[in-house]
C-alpha atoms as a PDB file:
ATOM      1  CA  UNK A   1     194.465 147.090  -6.585  1.00  0.00           C
ATOM      2  CA  UNK A   2     196.054 144.428  -3.837  1.00  0.00           C
ATOM      3  CA  UNK A   3     199.990 144.650  -3.818  1.00  0.00           C
ATOM      4  CA  UNK A   4     202.351 141.684  -3.214  1.00  0.00           C
ATOM      5  CA  UNK A   5     203.610 141.241   0.237  1.00  0.00           C
ATOM      6  CA  UNK A   6     206.901 142.197   0.425  1.00  0.00           C
ATOM      7  CA  UNK A   7     208.114 139.155   2.727  1.00  0.00           C
ATOM      8  CA  UNK A   8     207.200 136.601   0.332  1.00  0.00           C
ATOM      9  CA  UNK A   9     207.905 136.979  -2.718  1.00  0.00           C
ATOM     10  CA  UNK A  10     211.402 135.279  -3.421  1.00  0.00           C
ATOM     11  CA  UNK A  11     212.125 133.146  -0.752  1.00  0.00           C
ATOM     12  CA  UNK A  12     212.819 128.889  -1.989  1.00  0.00           C
ATOM     13  CA  UNK A  13     210.798 126.864  -0.680  1.00  0.00           C
ATOM     14  CA  UNK A  14     212.183 124.743   2.582  1.00  0.00           C
ATOM     15  CA  UNK A  15     213.440 121.441   2.329  1.00  0.00           C
ATOM     16  CA  UNK A  16     212.531 118.746   4.654  1.00  0.00           C
ATOM     17  CA  UNK A  17     212.255 119.758   8.538  1.00  0.00           C
ATOM     18  CA  UNK A  18     211.265 117.146  11.075  1.00  0.00           C
ATOM     19  CA  UNK A  19     209.205 117.978  14.849  1.00  0.00           C
ATOM     20  CA  UNK A  20     206.802 119.564  13.041  1.00  0.00           C
ATOM     21  CA  UNK A  21     204.803 119.062  16.414  1.00  0.00           C
ATOM     22  CA  UNK A  22     207.359 120.797  18.656  1.00  0.00           C
ATOM     23  CA  UNK A  23     206.581 123.573  15.966  1.00  0.00           C
ATOM     24  CA  UNK A  24     203.325 123.905  16.415  1.00  0.00           C
ATOM     25  CA  UNK A  25     203.817 123.560  19.931  1.00  0.00           C
ATOM     26  CA  UNK A  26     206.027 126.447  20.502  1.00  0.00           C
ATOM     27  CA  UNK A  27     204.036 128.838  18.747  1.00  0.00           C
ATOM     28  CA  UNK A  28     200.930 128.072  20.470  1.00  0.00           C
ATOM     29  CA  UNK A  29     202.662 129.258  23.805  1.00  0.00           C
ATOM     30  CA  UNK A  30     203.445 132.276  21.882  1.00  0.00           C
ATOM     31  CA  UNK A  31     200.145 132.910  19.972  1.00  0.00           C
ATOM     32  CA  UNK A  32     199.222 136.524  20.875  1.00  0.00           C
ATOM     33  CA  UNK A  33     195.368 137.841  21.601  1.00  0.00           C
ATOM     34  CA  UNK A  34     195.277 138.471  18.182  1.00  0.00           C
ATOM     35  CA  UNK A  35     197.394 138.350  14.779  1.00  0.00           C
ATOM     36  CA  UNK A  36     196.837 138.797  11.455  1.00  0.00           C
ATOM     37  CA  UNK A  37     197.433 136.073   8.517  1.00  0.00           C
ATOM     38  CA  UNK A  38     201.036 137.465   7.633  1.00  0.00           C
ATOM     39  CA  UNK A  39     202.429 137.198  11.717  1.00  0.00           C
ATOM     40  CA  UNK A  40     201.139 133.863  11.324  1.00  0.00           C
ATOM     41  CA  UNK A  41     202.642 133.032   8.174  1.00  0.00           C
ATOM     42  CA  UNK A  42     206.169 134.596   9.759  1.00  0.00           C
ATOM     43  CA  UNK A  43     205.758 132.763  12.919  1.00  0.00           C
ATOM     44  CA  UNK A  44     206.239 129.746  11.326  1.00  0.00           C
ATOM     45  CA  UNK A  45     209.768 129.759  11.055  1.00  0.00           C
ATOM     46  CA  UNK A  46     212.004 127.551   9.303  1.00  0.00           C
ATOM     47  CA  UNK A  47     209.313 125.196   7.864  1.00  0.00           C
ATOM     48  CA  UNK A  48     208.144 128.649   6.067  1.00  0.00           C
ATOM     49  CA  UNK A  49     204.664 128.089   3.938  1.00  0.00           C
ATOM     50  CA  UNK A  50     204.406 124.401   3.553  1.00  0.00           C
ATOM     51  CA  UNK A  51     203.648 124.018   7.472  1.00  0.00           C
ATOM     52  CA  UNK A  52     201.433 127.545   7.148  1.00  0.00           C
ATOM     53  CA  UNK A  53     199.642 125.448   4.194  1.00  0.00           C
ATOM     54  CA  UNK A  54     199.109 122.403   7.437  1.00  0.00           C
ATOM     55  CA  UNK A  55     197.722 125.181   9.557  1.00  0.00           C
ATOM     56  CA  UNK A  56     195.162 126.500   7.673  1.00  0.00           C
ATOM     57  CA  UNK A  57     193.422 123.461   7.194  1.00  0.00           C
ATOM     58  CA  UNK A  58     193.181 122.470  10.585  1.00  0.00           C
ATOM     59  CA  UNK A  59     189.827 124.695  11.490  1.00  0.00           C
ATOM     60  CA  UNK A  60     188.126 122.269   8.981  1.00  0.00           C
ATOM     61  CA  UNK A  61     189.166 119.005  10.070  1.00  0.00           C
ATOM     62  CA  UNK A  62     185.651 118.794  11.897  1.00  0.00           C
ATOM     63  CA  UNK A  63     182.436 117.671   9.886  1.00  0.00           C
ATOM     64  CA  UNK A  64     181.038 121.142   9.279  1.00  0.00           C
ATOM     65  CA  UNK A  65     183.298 124.518   8.848  1.00  0.00           C
ATOM     66  CA  UNK A  66     182.757 128.200   9.460  1.00  0.00           C
ATOM     67  CA  UNK A  67     181.581 129.517   6.032  1.00  0.00           C
ATOM     68  CA  UNK A  68     183.557 131.890   4.660  1.00  0.00           C
ATOM     69  CA  UNK A  69     186.467 130.968   6.674  1.00  0.00           C
ATOM     70  CA  UNK A  70     187.538 128.733   4.007  1.00  0.00           C
ATOM     71  CA  UNK A  71     187.207 130.715   0.646  1.00  0.00           C
ATOM     72  CA  UNK A  72     189.997 132.948   2.825  1.00  0.00           C
ATOM     73  CA  UNK A  73     192.245 130.297   3.607  1.00  0.00           C
ATOM     74  CA  UNK A  74     191.487 127.972   0.535  1.00  0.00           C
ATOM     75  CA  UNK A  75     192.315 130.742  -1.767  1.00  0.00           C
ATOM     76  CA  UNK A  76     196.223 131.134   0.031  1.00  0.00           C
ATOM     77  CA  UNK A  77     196.551 127.486  -0.530  1.00  0.00           C
ATOM     78  CA  UNK A  78     196.344 127.770  -3.995  1.00  0.00           C
ATOM     79  CA  UNK A  79     198.321 131.178  -4.052  1.00  0.00           C
ATOM     80  CA  UNK A  80     200.453 128.607  -2.089  1.00  0.00           C
ATOM     81  CA  UNK A  81     200.225 125.470  -4.514  1.00  0.00           C
ATOM     82  CA  UNK A  82     201.601 128.011  -7.458  1.00  0.00           C
ATOM     83  CA  UNK A  83     204.463 129.311  -5.320  1.00  0.00           C
ATOM     84  CA  UNK A  84     204.959 125.258  -5.422  1.00  0.00           C
ATOM     85  CA  UNK A  85     204.501 124.946  -8.864  1.00  0.00           C
ATOM     86  CA  UNK A  86     207.152 127.225  -9.701  1.00  0.00           C
ATOM     87  CA  UNK A  87     209.324 126.926  -6.592  1.00  0.00           C
ATOM     88  CA  UNK A  88     209.291 130.211  -5.384  1.00  0.00           C
ATOM     89  CA  UNK A  89     207.277 132.032  -2.491  1.00  0.00           C
ATOM     90  CA  UNK A  90     203.867 133.087  -4.235  1.00  0.00           C
ATOM     91  CA  UNK A  91     202.954 136.232  -4.385  1.00  0.00           C
ATOM     92  CA  UNK A  92     199.581 136.973  -1.843  1.00  0.00           C
ATOM     93  CA  UNK A  93     196.914 139.477  -2.039  1.00  0.00           C
ATOM     94  CA  UNK A  94     197.795 142.417   0.788  1.00  0.00           C
ATOM     95  CA  UNK A  95     193.772 141.906   2.081  1.00  0.00           C
ATOM     96  CA  UNK A  96     194.304 138.238   2.646  1.00  0.00           C
ATOM     97  CA  UNK A  97     197.508 138.710   4.889  1.00  0.00           C
ATOM     98  CA  UNK A  98     196.033 141.200   7.282  1.00  0.00           C
ATOM     99  CA  UNK A  99     193.011 138.949   7.620  1.00  0.00           C
ATOM    100  CA  UNK A 100     192.741 138.935  11.585  1.00  0.00           C
ATOM    101  CA  UNK A 101     193.010 136.074  13.309  1.00  0.00           C
ATOM    102  CA  UNK A 102     191.938 135.972  17.165  1.00  0.00           C
ATOM    103  CA  UNK A 103     193.898 133.220  20.111  1.00  0.00           C
ATOM    104  CA  UNK A 104     190.300 131.440  20.883  1.00  0.00           C
ATOM    105  CA  UNK A 105     189.583 130.650  17.290  1.00  0.00           C
ATOM    106  CA  UNK A 106     193.214 129.580  16.493  1.00  0.00           C
ATOM    107  CA  UNK A 107     194.524 128.030  19.515  1.00  0.00           C
ATOM    108  CA  UNK A 108     192.623 124.811  19.584  1.00  0.00           C
ATOM    109  CA  UNK A 109     193.781 124.264  15.853  1.00  0.00           C
ATOM    110  CA  UNK A 110     196.739 124.305  16.717  1.00  0.00           C
ATOM    111  CA  UNK A 111     196.909 122.177  19.344  1.00  0.00           C
ATOM    112  CA  UNK A 112     195.028 119.494  17.866  1.00  0.00           C
ATOM    113  CA  UNK A 113     197.392 119.848  14.505  1.00  0.00           C
ATOM    114  CA  UNK A 114     200.630 119.581  16.843  1.00  0.00           C
ATOM    115  CA  UNK A 115     198.682 116.576  18.528  1.00  0.00           C
ATOM    116  CA  UNK A 116     198.417 115.221  14.983  1.00  0.00           C
ATOM    117  CA  UNK A 117     202.010 115.994  13.622  1.00  0.00           C
ATOM    118  CA  UNK A 118     202.598 114.103  16.914  1.00  0.00           C
ATOM    119  CA  UNK A 119     202.049 110.974  14.837  1.00  0.00           C
ATOM    120  CA  UNK A 120     203.350 112.493  11.674  1.00  0.00           C
ATOM    121  CA  UNK A 121     206.760 113.257  13.289  1.00  0.00           C
ATOM    122  CA  UNK A 122     207.119 109.404  14.109  1.00  0.00           C
ATOM    123  CA  UNK A 123     205.471 107.893  11.000  1.00  0.00           C
ATOM    124  CA  UNK A 124     206.294 110.345   8.172  1.00  0.00           C
ATOM    125  CA  UNK A 125     209.848 110.234   6.247  1.00  0.00           C
ATOM    126  CA  UNK A 126     211.784 110.278   2.928  1.00  0.00           C
ATOM    127  CA  UNK A 127     210.241 107.027   1.229  1.00  0.00           C
ATOM    128  CA  UNK A 128     208.806 106.196  -2.347  1.00  0.00           C
ATOM    129  CA  UNK A 129     211.184 109.388  -3.736  1.00  0.00           C
ATOM    130  CA  UNK A 130     209.822 108.762  -7.241  1.00  0.00           C
ATOM    131  CA  UNK A 131     206.431 110.966  -5.865  1.00  0.00           C
ATOM    132  CA  UNK A 132     208.722 113.538  -4.699  1.00  0.00           C
ATOM    133  CA  UNK A 133     211.610 114.437  -6.515  1.00  0.00           C
ATOM    134  CA  UNK A 134     212.206 116.272  -9.901  1.00  0.00           C
ATOM    135  CA  UNK A 135     211.488 119.478 -10.980  1.00  0.00           C
ATOM    136  CA  UNK A 136     208.481 118.107 -12.742  1.00  0.00           C
ATOM    137  CA  UNK A 137     206.647 115.919  -9.929  1.00  0.00           C
ATOM    138  CA  UNK A 138     206.979 119.016  -8.134  1.00  0.00           C
ATOM    139  CA  UNK A 139     205.280 121.334 -10.296  1.00  0.00           C
ATOM    140  CA  UNK A 140     202.653 118.664 -10.583  1.00  0.00           C
ATOM    141  CA  UNK A 141     202.545 118.210  -6.582  1.00  0.00           C
ATOM    142  CA  UNK A 142     201.765 121.931  -6.572  1.00  0.00           C
ATOM    143  CA  UNK A 143     199.426 121.753  -9.293  1.00  0.00           C
ATOM    144  CA  UNK A 144     197.464 118.814  -7.305  1.00  0.00           C
ATOM    145  CA  UNK A 145     197.876 121.403  -4.174  1.00  0.00           C
ATOM    146  CA  UNK A 146     196.242 124.731  -6.127  1.00  0.00           C
ATOM    147  CA  UNK A 147     193.306 121.775  -6.919  1.00  0.00           C
ATOM    148  CA  UNK A 148     192.803 120.897  -3.118  1.00  0.00           C
ATOM    149  CA  UNK A 149     193.104 124.400  -2.272  1.00  0.00           C
ATOM    150  CA  UNK A 150     190.033 125.227  -5.354  1.00  0.00           C
ATOM    151  CA  UNK A 151     187.970 121.852  -4.169  1.00  0.00           C
ATOM    152  CA  UNK A 152     188.476 123.521  -0.768  1.00  0.00           C
ATOM    153  CA  UNK A 153     186.722 126.425  -1.823  1.00  0.00           C
ATOM    154  CA  UNK A 154     183.915 125.221  -2.850  1.00  0.00           C
ATOM    155  CA  UNK A 155     180.594 127.108  -1.689  1.00  0.00           C
ATOM    156  CA  UNK A 156     179.412 123.669   0.028  1.00  0.00           C
ATOM    157  CA  UNK A 157     180.668 124.835   3.709  1.00  0.00           C
ATOM    158  CA  UNK A 158     177.355 124.128   5.513  1.00  0.00           C
ATOM    159  CA  UNK A 159     177.637 120.069   4.186  1.00  0.00           C
ATOM    160  CA  UNK A 160     179.235 117.993   6.360  1.00  0.00           C
ATOM    161  CA  UNK A 161     182.430 117.105   4.932  1.00  0.00           C
ATOM    162  CA  UNK A 162     182.392 119.118   2.077  1.00  0.00           C
ATOM    163  CA  UNK A 163     185.456 121.026   4.146  1.00  0.00           C
ATOM    164  CA  UNK A 164     187.161 118.358   5.803  1.00  0.00           C
ATOM    165  CA  UNK A 165     187.898 116.441   2.335  1.00  0.00           C
ATOM    166  CA  UNK A 166     189.766 118.962   0.936  1.00  0.00           C
ATOM    167  CA  UNK A 167     191.267 119.821   3.629  1.00  0.00           C
ATOM    168  CA  UNK A 168     192.776 116.458   4.394  1.00  0.00           C
ATOM    169  CA  UNK A 169     193.975 116.518   0.602  1.00  0.00           C
ATOM    170  CA  UNK A 170     195.941 119.788   1.062  1.00  0.00           C
ATOM    171  CA  UNK A 171     197.462 118.444   4.304  1.00  0.00           C
ATOM    172  CA  UNK A 172     198.559 114.824   3.228  1.00  0.00           C
ATOM    173  CA  UNK A 173     199.952 117.156   0.017  1.00  0.00           C
ATOM    174  CA  UNK A 174     201.294 119.170   2.341  1.00  0.00           C
ATOM    175  CA  UNK A 175     202.978 116.702   4.692  1.00  0.00           C
ATOM    176  CA  UNK A 176     204.515 114.864   1.605  1.00  0.00           C
ATOM    177  CA  UNK A 177     206.154 117.398  -0.353  1.00  0.00           C
ATOM    178  CA  UNK A 178     208.153 118.738   3.264  1.00  0.00           C
ATOM    179  CA  UNK A 179     208.713 115.555   4.244  1.00  0.00           C
ATOM    180  CA  UNK A 180     209.356 113.968   0.561  1.00  0.00           C
ATOM    181  CA  UNK A 181     206.827 111.446   1.632  1.00  0.00           C
ATOM    182  CA  UNK A 182     205.544 109.567  -1.477  1.00  0.00           C
ATOM    183  CA  UNK A 183     202.879 107.512   0.672  1.00  0.00           C
ATOM    184  CA  UNK A 184     201.495 111.180   2.170  1.00  0.00           C
ATOM    185  CA  UNK A 185     201.458 112.474  -1.364  1.00  0.00           C
ATOM    186  CA  UNK A 186     199.278 109.430  -2.463  1.00  0.00           C
ATOM    187  CA  UNK A 187     196.806 109.515   0.256  1.00  0.00           C
ATOM    188  CA  UNK A 188     196.502 113.469  -1.117  1.00  0.00           C
ATOM    189  CA  UNK A 189     195.508 112.277  -4.815  1.00  0.00           C
ATOM    190  CA  UNK A 190     193.407 109.680  -2.863  1.00  0.00           C
ATOM    191  CA  UNK A 191     191.782 112.282  -0.697  1.00  0.00           C
ATOM    192  CA  UNK A 192     191.089 114.446  -3.900  1.00  0.00           C
ATOM    193  CA  UNK A 193     189.535 112.152  -5.932  1.00  0.00           C
ATOM    194  CA  UNK A 194     186.929 111.142  -2.990  1.00  0.00           C
ATOM    195  CA  UNK A 195     186.566 115.292  -2.882  1.00  0.00           C
ATOM    196  CA  UNK A 196     185.481 115.234  -6.144  1.00  0.00           C
ATOM    197  CA  UNK A 197     183.585 112.562  -6.152  1.00  0.00           C
ATOM    198  CA  UNK A 198     181.495 113.413  -3.566  1.00  0.00           C
ATOM    199  CA  UNK A 199     180.963 116.786  -4.909  1.00  0.00           C
ATOM    200  CA  UNK A 200     179.557 115.410  -8.009  1.00  0.00           C
ATOM    201  CA  UNK A 201     177.194 113.431  -5.983  1.00  0.00           C
ATOM    202  CA  UNK A 202     176.164 116.665  -4.405  1.00  0.00           C
ATOM    203  CA  UNK A 203     175.823 118.055  -7.271  1.00  0.00           C
ATOM    204  CA  UNK A 204     173.750 115.223  -9.278  1.00  0.00           C
ATOM    205  CA  UNK A 205     171.584 115.152  -6.595  1.00  0.00           C
ATOM    206  CA  UNK A 206     170.648 119.187  -6.273  1.00  0.00           C
ATOM    207  CA  UNK A 207     170.335 118.610 -10.422  1.00  0.00           C
ATOM    208  CA  UNK A 208     168.039 116.243  -9.749  1.00  0.00           C
ATOM    209  CA  UNK A 209     166.282 117.666  -6.884  1.00  0.00           C
ATOM    210  CA  UNK A 210     165.501 120.495  -8.806  1.00  0.00           C
ATOM    211  CA  UNK A 211     164.431 119.041 -11.458  1.00  0.00           C
ATOM    212  CA  UNK A 212     161.718 117.364  -9.112  1.00  0.00           C
ATOM    213  CA  UNK A 213     160.446 120.360  -7.472  1.00  0.00           C
ATOM    214  CA  UNK A 214     160.119 122.005 -11.210  1.00  0.00           C
ATOM    215  CA  UNK A 215     158.167 119.185 -11.946  1.00  0.00           C
ATOM    216  CA  UNK A 216     156.094 119.815  -8.790  1.00  0.00           C
ATOM    217  CA  UNK A 217     155.564 123.926  -9.633  1.00  0.00           C
ATOM    218  CA  UNK A 218     154.672 123.166 -13.272  1.00  0.00           C
ATOM    219  CA  UNK A 219     152.001 120.652 -12.544  1.00  0.00           C
END
């Protein structure tokens, strides 16, 4: 059985931070040729788990993502969502924390993320605080982050936008919680609803296609 990671079991969730783009650019310049998920998370610095959560979404901001990676990264987001619900650092499986990441695959994602966060730093700020403050609200936001992580793990990796939509939901929730930005939280809810609707259409289409194929075979 996996044992808990000793580096993330007791740290509280961070307060809002600024200049997330600068943190990402600095991280990109310091990337070694290879590093583990644990090392990447530790390198996120003061912004902590929620910035790490954002970084996990960057590889999926393309229409089609690499199958398998979404399962691991989605599971990490699920654990982080649980941590947000209870306002403490989550337990993370050691096997996931020791997964190797290469500079070649990670650098473009960080650079793209830094570009995105340049706009986030200008536009995102504490607002619509009813959606970002209070113990019950934090628990609900953490639960929605958990849901978005589960959706990212869904086995539709080769279907266009099947990873992109839940990744955007995760990204908006993480930004909203980090920056206490209620507008970002609302966008996260919208992307989550959109993802569920999209997956429902895919499942319905697969069922109907299966019935049609069974009918042809049965003739």
